[in-house]
């Protein structure tokens, strides 16, 4: 009986872990500008503060793309996004709102 209970608990844990992973928002971000994208912030619509920089220590050079995963555990789709470029570039900080559940690719333009 104990073995069956343990196996059931493990199966539930595995299903929960797989379910949480399925909720991650994944898309390609492409920098189609002439400047280095140094910071990328997201936050669910309605949250008044930006979350941590998605890039961490990375940057996105002109013409490059990278896979972005937002694994914040929330089950919302609409996110505000903030893009910051290298100092000295002619580009201003840009903000946008998108439904990331439906988004497969996002390209930022000048």
PDB file of N, CA and C in Angstrom:
ATOM      1  N   UNK A   1       0.827  -1.196   0.000  1.00  0.00           N
ATOM      2  CA  UNK A   1       0.000   0.000   0.000  1.00  0.00           C
ATOM      3  C   UNK A   1       0.872   1.259   0.000  1.00  0.00           C
ATOM      4  N   UNK A   2       1.976   1.257   0.788  1.00  0.00           N
ATOM      5  CA  UNK A   2       2.858   2.420   0.833  1.00  0.00           C
ATOM      6  C   UNK A   2       3.479   2.689  -0.530  1.00  0.00           C
ATOM      7  N   UNK A   3       3.891   1.617  -1.242  1.00  0.00           N
ATOM      8  CA  UNK A   3       4.502   1.802  -2.559  1.00  0.00           C
ATOM      9  C   UNK A   3       3.520   2.445  -3.523  1.00  0.00           C
ATOM     10  N   UNK A   4       2.264   2.026  -3.487  1.00  0.00           N
ATOM     11  CA  UNK A   4       1.261   2.595  -4.380  1.00  0.00           C
ATOM     12  C   UNK A   4       1.051   4.069  -4.061  1.00  0.00           C
ATOM     13  N   UNK A   5       1.026   4.429  -2.783  1.00  0.00           N
ATOM     14  CA  UNK A   5       0.845   5.821  -2.366  1.00  0.00           C
ATOM     15  C   UNK A   5       2.027   6.671  -2.833  1.00  0.00           C
ATOM     16  N   UNK A   6       3.232   6.146  -2.684  1.00  0.00           N
ATOM     17  CA  UNK A   6       4.424   6.879  -3.111  1.00  0.00           C
ATOM     18  C   UNK A   6       4.423   7.056  -4.627  1.00  0.00           C
ATOM     19  N   UNK A   7       4.084   6.008  -5.370  1.00  0.00           N
ATOM     20  CA  UNK A   7       4.035   6.112  -6.823  1.00  0.00           C
ATOM     21  C   UNK A   7       2.975   7.108  -7.270  1.00  0.00           C
ATOM     22  N   UNK A   8       1.841   7.123  -6.590  1.00  0.00           N
ATOM     23  CA  UNK A   8       0.788   8.085  -6.923  1.00  0.00           C
ATOM     24  C   UNK A   8       1.270   9.504  -6.656  1.00  0.00           C
ATOM     25  N   UNK A   9       1.937   9.711  -5.541  1.00  0.00           N
ATOM     26  CA  UNK A   9       2.459  11.036  -5.206  1.00  0.00           C
ATOM     27  C   UNK A   9       3.497  11.479  -6.232  1.00  0.00           C
ATOM     28  N   UNK A  10       4.383  10.564  -6.639  1.00  0.00           N
ATOM     29  CA  UNK A  10       5.386  10.901  -7.643  1.00  0.00           C
ATOM     30  C   UNK A  10       4.743  11.226  -8.979  1.00  0.00           C
ATOM     31  N   UNK A  11       3.732  10.485  -9.363  1.00  0.00           N
ATOM     32  CA  UNK A  11       3.029  10.753 -10.619  1.00  0.00           C
ATOM     33  C   UNK A  11       2.359  12.121 -10.577  1.00  0.00           C
ATOM     34  N   UNK A  12       1.752  12.480  -9.450  1.00  0.00           N
ATOM     35  CA  UNK A  12       1.120  13.799  -9.305  1.00  0.00           C
ATOM     36  C   UNK A  12       2.161  14.903  -9.385  1.00  0.00           C
ATOM     37  N   UNK A  13       3.311  14.698  -8.737  1.00  0.00           N
ATOM     38  CA  UNK A  13       4.379  15.692  -8.771  1.00  0.00           C
ATOM     39  C   UNK A  13       4.885  15.881 -10.192  1.00  0.00           C
ATOM     40  N   UNK A  14       5.100  14.786 -10.912  1.00  0.00           N
ATOM     41  CA  UNK A  14       5.592  14.875 -12.292  1.00  0.00           C
ATOM     42  C   UNK A  14       4.578  15.588 -13.177  1.00  0.00           C
ATOM     43  N   UNK A  15       3.304  15.284 -12.996  1.00  0.00           N
ATOM     44  CA  UNK A  15       2.264  15.944 -13.795  1.00  0.00           C
ATOM     45  C   UNK A  15       2.219  17.426 -13.498  1.00  0.00           C
ATOM     46  N   UNK A  16       2.369  17.796 -12.228  1.00  0.00           N
ATOM     47  CA  UNK A  16       2.365  19.203 -11.851  1.00  0.00           C
ATOM     48  C   UNK A  16       3.573  19.917 -12.436  1.00  0.00           C
ATOM     49  N   UNK A  17       4.730  19.303 -12.384  1.00  0.00           N
ATOM     50  CA  UNK A  17       5.943  19.913 -12.939  1.00  0.00           C
ATOM     51  C   UNK A  17       5.814  20.095 -14.446  1.00  0.00           C
ATOM     52  N   UNK A  18       5.263  19.108 -15.133  1.00  0.00           N
ATOM     53  CA  UNK A  18       5.076  19.221 -16.574  1.00  0.00           C
ATOM     54  C   UNK A  18       4.044  20.290 -16.898  1.00  0.00           C
ATOM     55  N   UNK A  19       2.999  20.389 -16.094  1.00  0.00           N
ATOM     56  CA  UNK A  19       1.965  21.397 -16.312  1.00  0.00           C
ATOM     57  C   UNK A  19       2.541  22.796 -16.147  1.00  0.00           C
ATOM     58  N   UNK A  20       3.366  23.001 -15.129  1.00  0.00           N
ATOM     59  CA  UNK A  20       3.972  24.309 -14.895  1.00  0.00           C
ATOM     60  C   UNK A  20       4.877  24.679 -16.068  1.00  0.00           C
ATOM     61  N   UNK A  21       5.631  23.709 -16.571  1.00  0.00           N
ATOM     62  CA  UNK A  21       6.524  23.975 -17.689  1.00  0.00           C
ATOM     63  C   UNK A  21       5.721  24.336 -18.937  1.00  0.00           C
ATOM     64  N   UNK A  22       4.543  23.730 -19.111  1.00  0.00           N
ATOM     65  CA  UNK A  22       3.715  24.009 -20.281  1.00  0.00           C
ATOM     66  C   UNK A  22       3.191  25.443 -20.264  1.00  0.00           C
ATOM     67  N   UNK A  23       3.133  26.064 -19.107  1.00  0.00           N
ATOM     68  CA  UNK A  23       2.622  27.423 -18.983  1.00  0.00           C
ATOM     69  C   UNK A  23       3.672  28.481 -19.278  1.00  0.00           C
ATOM     70  N   UNK A  24       4.924  28.098 -19.471  1.00  0.00           N
ATOM     71  CA  UNK A  24       5.963  29.068 -19.791  1.00  0.00           C
ATOM     72  C   UNK A  24       5.631  29.748 -21.116  1.00  0.00           C
ATOM     73  N   UNK A  25       5.905  31.032 -21.187  1.00  0.00           N
ATOM     74  CA  UNK A  25       5.698  31.788 -22.420  1.00  0.00           C
ATOM     75  C   UNK A  25       7.030  31.839 -23.157  1.00  0.00           C
ATOM     76  N   UNK A  26       7.063  31.325 -24.375  1.00  0.00           N
ATOM     77  CA  UNK A  26       8.303  31.234 -25.143  1.00  0.00           C
ATOM     78  C   UNK A  26       8.087  31.887 -26.503  1.00  0.00           C
ATOM     79  N   UNK A  27       9.019  32.765 -26.897  1.00  0.00           N
ATOM     80  CA  UNK A  27       8.958  33.394 -28.203  1.00  0.00           C
ATOM     81  C   UNK A  27      10.351  33.833 -28.623  1.00  0.00           C
ATOM     82  N   UNK A  28      10.529  34.114 -29.912  1.00  0.00           N
ATOM     83  CA  UNK A  28      11.781  34.626 -30.445  1.00  0.00           C
ATOM     84  C   UNK A  28      11.721  36.150 -30.438  1.00  0.00           C
ATOM     85  N   UNK A  29      12.755  36.769 -29.918  1.00  0.00           N
ATOM     86  CA  UNK A  29      12.885  38.222 -29.942  1.00  0.00           C
ATOM     87  C   UNK A  29      13.989  38.570 -30.931  1.00  0.00           C
ATOM     88  N   UNK A  30      13.662  39.407 -31.913  1.00  0.00           N
ATOM     89  CA  UNK A  30      14.644  39.800 -32.925  1.00  0.00           C
ATOM     90  C   UNK A  30      14.884  41.300 -32.844  1.00  0.00           C
ATOM     91  N   UNK A  31      16.150  41.674 -32.868  1.00  0.00           N
ATOM     92  CA  UNK A  31      16.546  43.081 -32.852  1.00  0.00           C
ATOM     93  C   UNK A  31      16.800  43.518 -34.289  1.00  0.00           C
ATOM     94  N   UNK A  32      15.824  44.192 -34.871  1.00  0.00           N
ATOM     95  CA  UNK A  32      15.946  44.670 -36.249  1.00  0.00           C
ATOM     96  C   UNK A  32      16.246  46.176 -36.256  1.00  0.00           C
ATOM     97  N   UNK A  33      17.082  46.610 -35.300  1.00  0.00           N
ATOM     98  CA  UNK A  33      17.496  48.007 -35.217  1.00  0.00           C
ATOM     99  C   UNK A  33      18.996  48.069 -35.480  1.00  0.00           C
ATOM    100  N   UNK A  34      19.536  49.258 -35.479  1.00  0.00           N
ATOM    101  CA  UNK A  34      20.973  49.436 -35.646  1.00  0.00           C
ATOM    102  C   UNK A  34      21.707  49.599 -34.332  1.00  0.00           C
ATOM    103  N   UNK A  35      21.025  49.353 -33.213  1.00  0.00           N
ATOM    104  CA  UNK A  35      21.635  49.552 -31.896  1.00  0.00           C
ATOM    105  C   UNK A  35      21.552  48.278 -31.056  1.00  0.00           C
ATOM    106  N   UNK A  36      22.464  48.168 -30.105  1.00  0.00           N
ATOM    107  CA  UNK A  36      22.468  47.027 -29.197  1.00  0.00           C
ATOM    108  C   UNK A  36      21.325  47.186 -28.193  1.00  0.00           C
ATOM    109  N   UNK A  37      20.518  46.149 -28.066  1.00  0.00           N
ATOM    110  CA  UNK A  37      19.444  46.109 -27.076  1.00  0.00           C
ATOM    111  C   UNK A  37      20.059  45.590 -25.779  1.00  0.00           C
ATOM    112  N   UNK A  38      20.132  46.444 -24.772  1.00  0.00           N
ATOM    113  CA  UNK A  38      20.855  46.092 -23.548  1.00  0.00           C
ATOM    114  C   UNK A  38      19.969  45.546 -22.437  1.00  0.00           C
ATOM    115  N   UNK A  39      18.712  45.970 -22.392  1.00  0.00           N
ATOM    116  CA  UNK A  39      17.809  45.528 -21.328  1.00  0.00           C
ATOM    117  C   UNK A  39      16.429  45.258 -21.901  1.00  0.00           C
ATOM    118  N   UNK A  40      15.793  44.206 -21.379  1.00  0.00           N
ATOM    119  CA  UNK A  40      14.441  43.848 -21.787  1.00  0.00           C
ATOM    120  C   UNK A  40      13.665  43.470 -20.528  1.00  0.00           C
ATOM    121  N   UNK A  41      12.638  44.237 -20.243  1.00  0.00           N
ATOM    122  CA  UNK A  41      11.818  44.021 -19.055  1.00  0.00           C
ATOM    123  C   UNK A  41      10.407  43.635 -19.469  1.00  0.00           C
ATOM    124  N   UNK A  42       9.775  42.787 -18.684  1.00  0.00           N
ATOM    125  CA  UNK A  42       8.368  42.455 -18.893  1.00  0.00           C
ATOM    126  C   UNK A  42       7.648  42.566 -17.562  1.00  0.00           C
ATOM    127  N   UNK A  43       6.353  42.693 -17.668  1.00  0.00           N
ATOM    128  CA  UNK A  43       5.500  42.732 -16.486  1.00  0.00           C
ATOM    129  C   UNK A  43       4.073  42.490 -16.956  1.00  0.00           C
ATOM    130  N   UNK A  44       3.311  41.676 -16.244  1.00  0.00           N
ATOM    131  CA  UNK A  44       1.923  41.484 -16.654  1.00  0.00           C
ATOM    132  C   UNK A  44       1.186  42.821 -16.672  1.00  0.00           C
ATOM    133  N   UNK A  45       0.282  42.986 -17.635  1.00  0.00           N
ATOM    134  CA  UNK A  45      -0.516  44.203 -17.715  1.00  0.00           C
ATOM    135  C   UNK A  45      -1.211  44.414 -16.369  1.00  0.00           C
ATOM    136  N   UNK A  46      -1.171  45.641 -15.880  1.00  0.00           N
ATOM    137  CA  UNK A  46      -1.794  45.967 -14.600  1.00  0.00           C
ATOM    138  C   UNK A  46      -0.847  45.959 -13.422  1.00  0.00           C
ATOM    139  N   UNK A  47       0.349  45.386 -13.592  1.00  0.00           N
ATOM    140  CA  UNK A  47       1.366  45.422 -12.546  1.00  0.00           C
ATOM    141  C   UNK A  47       2.163  46.700 -12.768  1.00  0.00           C
ATOM    142  N   UNK A  48       2.312  47.505 -11.749  1.00  0.00           N
ATOM    143  CA  UNK A  48       2.883  48.843 -11.917  1.00  0.00           C
ATOM    144  C   UNK A  48       4.399  48.923 -11.830  1.00  0.00           C
ATOM    145  N   UNK A  49       5.076  47.806 -11.681  1.00  0.00           N
ATOM    146  CA  UNK A  49       6.539  47.807 -11.622  1.00  0.00           C
ATOM    147  C   UNK A  49       7.074  46.782 -12.602  1.00  0.00           C
ATOM    148  N   UNK A  50       8.243  47.072 -13.159  1.00  0.00           N
ATOM    149  CA  UNK A  50       8.870  46.131 -14.078  1.00  0.00           C
ATOM    150  C   UNK A  50       9.495  44.988 -13.301  1.00  0.00           C
ATOM    151  N   UNK A  51       9.446  43.797 -13.860  1.00  0.00           N
ATOM    152  CA  UNK A  51      10.114  42.630 -13.296  1.00  0.00           C
ATOM    153  C   UNK A  51      11.617  42.774 -13.588  1.00  0.00           C
ATOM    154  N   UNK A  52      12.407  41.785 -13.195  1.00  0.00           N
ATOM    155  CA  UNK A  52      13.852  41.816 -13.457  1.00  0.00           C
ATOM    156  C   UNK A  52      14.134  41.817 -14.956  1.00  0.00           C
ATOM    157  N   UNK A  53      15.310  42.321 -15.315  1.00  0.00           N
ATOM    158  CA  UNK A  53      15.757  42.333 -16.703  1.00  0.00           C
ATOM    159  C   UNK A  53      15.827  40.890 -17.215  1.00  0.00           C
ATOM    160  N   UNK A  54      15.102  40.601 -18.281  1.00  0.00           N
ATOM    161  CA  UNK A  54      15.059  39.253 -18.848  1.00  0.00           C
ATOM    162  C   UNK A  54      16.437  38.835 -19.360  1.00  0.00           C
ATOM    163  N   UNK A  55      17.212  39.778 -19.881  1.00  0.00           N
ATOM    164  CA  UNK A  55      18.525  39.471 -20.443  1.00  0.00           C
ATOM    165  C   UNK A  55      19.569  39.112 -19.383  1.00  0.00           C
ATOM    166  N   UNK A  56      19.409  39.626 -18.187  1.00  0.00           N
ATOM    167  CA  UNK A  56      20.470  39.433 -17.206  1.00  0.00           C
ATOM    168  C   UNK A  56      21.716  40.145 -17.680  1.00  0.00           C
ATOM    169  N   UNK A  57      22.787  39.423 -17.940  1.00  0.00           N
ATOM    170  CA  UNK A  57      24.044  40.026 -18.403  1.00  0.00           C
ATOM    171  C   UNK A  57      24.185  39.995 -19.921  1.00  0.00           C
ATOM    172  N   UNK A  58      23.232  39.408 -20.610  1.00  0.00           N
ATOM    173  CA  UNK A  58      23.309  39.315 -22.064  1.00  0.00           C
ATOM    174  C   UNK A  58      22.811  40.599 -22.715  1.00  0.00           C
ATOM    175  N   UNK A  59      23.111  40.752 -23.986  1.00  0.00           N
ATOM    176  CA  UNK A  59      22.582  41.833 -24.821  1.00  0.00           C
ATOM    177  C   UNK A  59      22.134  41.193 -26.125  1.00  0.00           C
ATOM    178  N   UNK A  60      21.370  41.956 -26.902  1.00  0.00           N
ATOM    179  CA  UNK A  60      20.931  41.475 -28.207  1.00  0.00           C
ATOM    180  C   UNK A  60      21.432  42.459 -29.253  1.00  0.00           C
ATOM    181  N   UNK A  61      22.417  42.023 -30.020  1.00  0.00           N
ATOM    182  CA  UNK A  61      23.039  42.874 -31.034  1.00  0.00           C
ATOM    183  C   UNK A  61      22.127  43.071 -32.235  1.00  0.00           C
ATOM    184  N   UNK A  62      22.365  44.121 -33.018  1.00  0.00           N
ATOM    185  CA  UNK A  62      21.565  44.354 -34.219  1.00  0.00           C
ATOM    186  C   UNK A  62      21.557  43.125 -35.133  1.00  0.00           C
ATOM    187  N   UNK A  63      20.368  42.777 -35.611  1.00  0.00           N
ATOM    188  CA  UNK A  63      20.222  41.642 -36.515  1.00  0.00           C
ATOM    189  C   UNK A  63      20.147  40.287 -35.850  1.00  0.00           C
ATOM    190  N   UNK A  64      20.418  40.221 -34.570  1.00  0.00           N
ATOM    191  CA  UNK A  64      20.382  38.940 -33.862  1.00  0.00           C
ATOM    192  C   UNK A  64      18.998  38.677 -33.281  1.00  0.00           C
ATOM    193  N   UNK A  65      18.781  37.419 -32.942  1.00  0.00           N
ATOM    194  CA  UNK A  65      17.549  37.040 -32.246  1.00  0.00           C
ATOM    195  C   UNK A  65      17.902  36.048 -31.151  1.00  0.00           C
ATOM    196  N   UNK A  66      17.012  35.934 -30.183  1.00  0.00           N
ATOM    197  CA  UNK A  66      17.200  34.957 -29.111  1.00  0.00           C
ATOM    198  C   UNK A  66      15.839  34.466 -28.647  1.00  0.00           C
ATOM    199  N   UNK A  67      15.845  33.253 -28.124  1.00  0.00           N
ATOM    200  CA  UNK A  67      14.622  32.698 -27.567  1.00  0.00           C
ATOM    201  C   UNK A  67      14.424  33.256 -26.163  1.00  0.00           C
ATOM    202  N   UNK A  68      13.238  33.777 -25.919  1.00  0.00           N
ATOM    203  CA  UNK A  68      12.895  34.340 -24.620  1.00  0.00           C
ATOM    204  C   UNK A  68      11.894  33.408 -23.944  1.00  0.00           C
ATOM    205  N   UNK A  69      12.136  33.084 -22.697  1.00  0.00           N
ATOM    206  CA  UNK A  69      11.195  32.287 -21.911  1.00  0.00           C
ATOM    207  C   UNK A  69      10.819  33.082 -20.677  1.00  0.00           C
ATOM    208  N   UNK A  70       9.527  33.290 -20.507  1.00  0.00           N
ATOM    209  CA  UNK A  70       9.020  33.927 -19.298  1.00  0.00           C
ATOM    210  C   UNK A  70       8.350  32.840 -18.486  1.00  0.00           C
ATOM    211  N   UNK A  71       9.017  32.443 -17.421  1.00  0.00           N
ATOM    212  CA  UNK A  71       8.541  31.344 -16.580  1.00  0.00           C
ATOM    213  C   UNK A  71       8.238  31.893 -15.191  1.00  0.00           C
ATOM    214  N   UNK A  72       7.256  32.793 -15.134  1.00  0.00           N
ATOM    215  CA  UNK A  72       6.953  33.446 -13.867  1.00  0.00           C
ATOM    216  C   UNK A  72       5.831  32.774 -13.081  1.00  0.00           C
ATOM    217  N   UNK A  73       5.299  31.673 -13.608  1.00  0.00           N
ATOM    218  CA  UNK A  73       4.266  30.934 -12.880  1.00  0.00           C
ATOM    219  C   UNK A  73       2.878  31.539 -12.975  1.00  0.00           C
ATOM    220  N   UNK A  74       2.757  32.643 -13.654  1.00  0.00           N
ATOM    221  CA  UNK A  74       1.444  33.279 -13.790  1.00  0.00           C
ATOM    222  C   UNK A  74       0.710  32.665 -14.974  1.00  0.00           C
ATOM    223  N   UNK A  75      -0.603  32.690 -14.913  1.00  0.00           N
ATOM    224  CA  UNK A  75      -1.375  32.217 -16.057  1.00  0.00           C
ATOM    225  C   UNK A  75      -2.099  33.395 -16.699  1.00  0.00           C
ATOM    226  N   UNK A  76      -1.300  34.407 -17.078  1.00  0.00           N
ATOM    227  CA  UNK A  76      -1.789  35.560 -17.828  1.00  0.00           C
ATOM    228  C   UNK A  76      -1.061  35.574 -19.163  1.00  0.00           C
ATOM    229  N   UNK A  77      -1.625  36.263 -20.118  1.00  0.00           N
ATOM    230  CA  UNK A  77      -1.020  36.304 -21.456  1.00  0.00           C
ATOM    231  C   UNK A  77      -0.544  37.691 -21.854  1.00  0.00           C
ATOM    232  N   UNK A  78      -1.221  38.721 -21.387  1.00  0.00           N
ATOM    233  CA  UNK A  78      -0.877  40.084 -21.818  1.00  0.00           C
ATOM    234  C   UNK A  78       0.203  40.668 -20.922  1.00  0.00           C
ATOM    235  N   UNK A  79       1.306  41.031 -21.570  1.00  0.00           N
ATOM    236  CA  UNK A  79       2.459  41.583 -20.865  1.00  0.00           C
ATOM    237  C   UNK A  79       2.851  42.921 -21.467  1.00  0.00           C
ATOM    238  N   UNK A  80       3.261  43.835 -20.585  1.00  0.00           N
ATOM    239  CA  UNK A  80       3.922  45.055 -21.011  1.00  0.00           C
ATOM    240  C   UNK A  80       5.391  44.706 -21.200  1.00  0.00           C
ATOM    241  N   UNK A  81       6.024  45.311 -22.192  1.00  0.00           N
ATOM    242  CA  UNK A  81       7.433  45.064 -22.465  1.00  0.00           C
ATOM    243  C   UNK A  81       8.156  46.395 -22.581  1.00  0.00           C
ATOM    244  N   UNK A  82       9.390  46.425 -22.090  1.00  0.00           N
ATOM    245  CA  UNK A  82      10.206  47.639 -22.143  1.00  0.00           C
ATOM    246  C   UNK A  82      11.570  47.260 -22.711  1.00  0.00           C
ATOM    247  N   UNK A  83      11.991  47.992 -23.744  1.00  0.00           N
ATOM    248  CA  UNK A  83      13.251  47.743 -24.422  1.00  0.00           C
ATOM    249  C   UNK A  83      14.163  48.940 -24.234  1.00  0.00           C
ATOM    250  N   UNK A  84      15.377  48.705 -23.743  1.00  0.00           N
ATOM    251  CA  UNK A  84      16.350  49.775 -23.544  1.00  0.00           C
ATOM    252  C   UNK A  84      17.585  49.489 -24.389  1.00  0.00           C
ATOM    253  N   UNK A  85      18.086  50.547 -25.033  1.00  0.00           N
ATOM    254  CA  UNK A  85      19.224  50.417 -25.940  1.00  0.00           C
ATOM    255  C   UNK A  85      20.483  50.989 -25.311  1.00  0.00           C
ATOM    256  N   UNK A  86      21.634  50.638 -25.912  1.00  0.00           N
ATOM    257  CA  UNK A  86      22.926  51.081 -25.393  1.00  0.00           C
ATOM    258  C   UNK A  86      22.991  52.601 -25.325  1.00  0.00           C
ATOM    259  N   UNK A  87      23.732  53.067 -24.310  1.00  0.00           N
ATOM    260  CA  UNK A  87      23.934  54.510 -24.170  1.00  0.00           C
ATOM    261  C   UNK A  87      24.597  55.058 -25.415  1.00  0.00           C
ATOM    262  N   UNK A  88      24.167  56.242 -25.820  1.00  0.00           N
ATOM    263  CA  UNK A  88      24.747  56.877 -26.980  1.00  0.00           C
ATOM    264  C   UNK A  88      24.074  56.520 -28.294  1.00  0.00           C
ATOM    265  N   UNK A  89      23.156  55.551 -28.259  1.00  0.00           N
ATOM    266  CA  UNK A  89      22.457  55.232 -29.511  1.00  0.00           C
ATOM    267  C   UNK A  89      21.381  56.294 -29.741  1.00  0.00           C
ATOM    268  N   UNK A  90      20.920  56.367 -30.953  1.00  0.00           N
ATOM    269  CA  UNK A  90      19.897  57.354 -31.300  1.00  0.00           C
ATOM    270  C   UNK A  90      18.490  56.861 -30.955  1.00  0.00           C
ATOM    271  N   UNK A  91      18.398  55.665 -30.391  1.00  0.00           N
ATOM    272  CA  UNK A  91      17.082  55.087 -30.113  1.00  0.00           C
ATOM    273  C   UNK A  91      16.647  55.344 -28.682  1.00  0.00           C
ATOM    274  N   UNK A  92      15.391  55.695 -28.525  1.00  0.00           N
ATOM    275  CA  UNK A  92      14.811  55.903 -27.205  1.00  0.00           C
ATOM    276  C   UNK A  92      14.313  54.577 -26.642  1.00  0.00           C
ATOM    277  N   UNK A  93      14.130  54.554 -25.334  1.00  0.00           N
ATOM    278  CA  UNK A  93      13.485  53.410 -24.698  1.00  0.00           C
ATOM    279  C   UNK A  93      12.107  53.232 -25.324  1.00  0.00           C
ATOM    280  N   UNK A  94      11.757  51.988 -25.621  1.00  0.00           N
ATOM    281  CA  UNK A  94      10.503  51.671 -26.288  1.00  0.00           C
ATOM    282  C   UNK A  94       9.677  50.753 -25.406  1.00  0.00           C
ATOM    283  N   UNK A  95       8.361  50.968 -25.380  1.00  0.00           N
ATOM    284  CA  UNK A  95       7.459  50.098 -24.627  1.00  0.00           C
ATOM    285  C   UNK A  95       6.335  49.622 -25.536  1.00  0.00           C
ATOM    286  N   UNK A  96       5.838  48.419 -25.265  1.00  0.00           N
ATOM    287  CA  UNK A  96       4.760  47.830 -26.043  1.00  0.00           C
ATOM    288  C   UNK A  96       4.009  46.853 -25.153  1.00  0.00           C
ATOM    289  N   UNK A  97       2.797  46.497 -25.570  1.00  0.00           N
ATOM    290  CA  UNK A  97       1.991  45.495 -24.876  1.00  0.00           C
ATOM    291  C   UNK A  97       1.581  44.439 -25.890  1.00  0.00           C
ATOM    292  N   UNK A  98       1.774  43.165 -25.532  1.00  0.00           N
ATOM    293  CA  UNK A  98       1.435  42.072 -26.436  1.00  0.00           C
ATOM    294  C   UNK A  98       0.824  40.908 -25.665  1.00  0.00           C
ATOM    295  N   UNK A  99       0.048  40.091 -26.382  1.00  0.00           N
ATOM    296  CA  UNK A  99      -0.455  38.822 -25.856  1.00  0.00           C
ATOM    297  C   UNK A  99       0.631  37.791 -26.153  1.00  0.00           C
ATOM    298  N   UNK A 100       1.434  37.462 -25.165  1.00  0.00           N
ATOM    299  CA  UNK A 100       2.578  36.589 -25.379  1.00  0.00           C
ATOM    300  C   UNK A 100       2.197  35.124 -25.548  1.00  0.00           C
ATOM    301  N   UNK A 101       0.974  34.757 -25.190  1.00  0.00           N
ATOM    302  CA  UNK A 101       0.523  33.377 -25.403  1.00  0.00           C
ATOM    303  C   UNK A 101       0.366  33.085 -26.892  1.00  0.00           C
ATOM    304  N   UNK A 102       0.033  34.094 -27.658  1.00  0.00           N
ATOM    305  CA  UNK A 102      -0.186  33.917 -29.096  1.00  0.00           C
ATOM    306  C   UNK A 102       1.021  34.308 -29.930  1.00  0.00           C
ATOM    307  N   UNK A 103       2.023  34.888 -29.295  1.00  0.00           N
ATOM    308  CA  UNK A 103       3.170  35.431 -30.009  1.00  0.00           C
ATOM    309  C   UNK A 103       4.234  34.358 -30.211  1.00  0.00           C
ATOM    310  N   UNK A 104       4.654  34.152 -31.438  1.00  0.00           N
ATOM    311  CA  UNK A 104       5.733  33.225 -31.712  1.00  0.00           C
ATOM    312  C   UNK A 104       7.046  33.940 -31.932  1.00  0.00           C
ATOM    313  N   UNK A 105       6.933  35.203 -32.401  1.00  0.00           N
ATOM    314  CA  UNK A 105       8.126  36.003 -32.673  1.00  0.00           C
ATOM    315  C   UNK A 105       7.764  37.471 -32.503  1.00  0.00           C
ATOM    316  N   UNK A 106       8.699  38.231 -31.955  1.00  0.00           N
ATOM    317  CA  UNK A 106       8.520  39.677 -31.830  1.00  0.00           C
ATOM    318  C   UNK A 106       9.782  40.323 -32.367  1.00  0.00           C
ATOM    319  N   UNK A 107       9.606  41.252 -33.310  1.00  0.00           N
ATOM    320  CA  UNK A 107      10.726  41.986 -33.884  1.00  0.00           C
ATOM    321  C   UNK A 107      10.622  43.439 -33.510  1.00  0.00           C
ATOM    322  N   UNK A 108      11.693  43.969 -32.922  1.00  0.00           N
ATOM    323  CA  UNK A 108      11.706  45.387 -32.596  1.00  0.00           C
ATOM    324  C   UNK A 108      12.390  46.126 -33.735  1.00  0.00           C
ATOM    325  N   UNK A 109      11.722  47.205 -34.184  1.00  0.00           N
ATOM    326  CA  UNK A 109      12.210  48.012 -35.309  1.00  0.00           C
ATOM    327  C   UNK A 109      12.546  49.422 -34.827  1.00  0.00           C
ATOM    328  N   UNK A 110      13.315  50.132 -35.644  1.00  0.00           N
ATOM    329  CA  UNK A 110      13.605  51.547 -35.336  1.00  0.00           C
ATOM    330  C   UNK A 110      12.408  52.389 -35.626  1.00  0.00           C
TER     331      UNK A 110
END
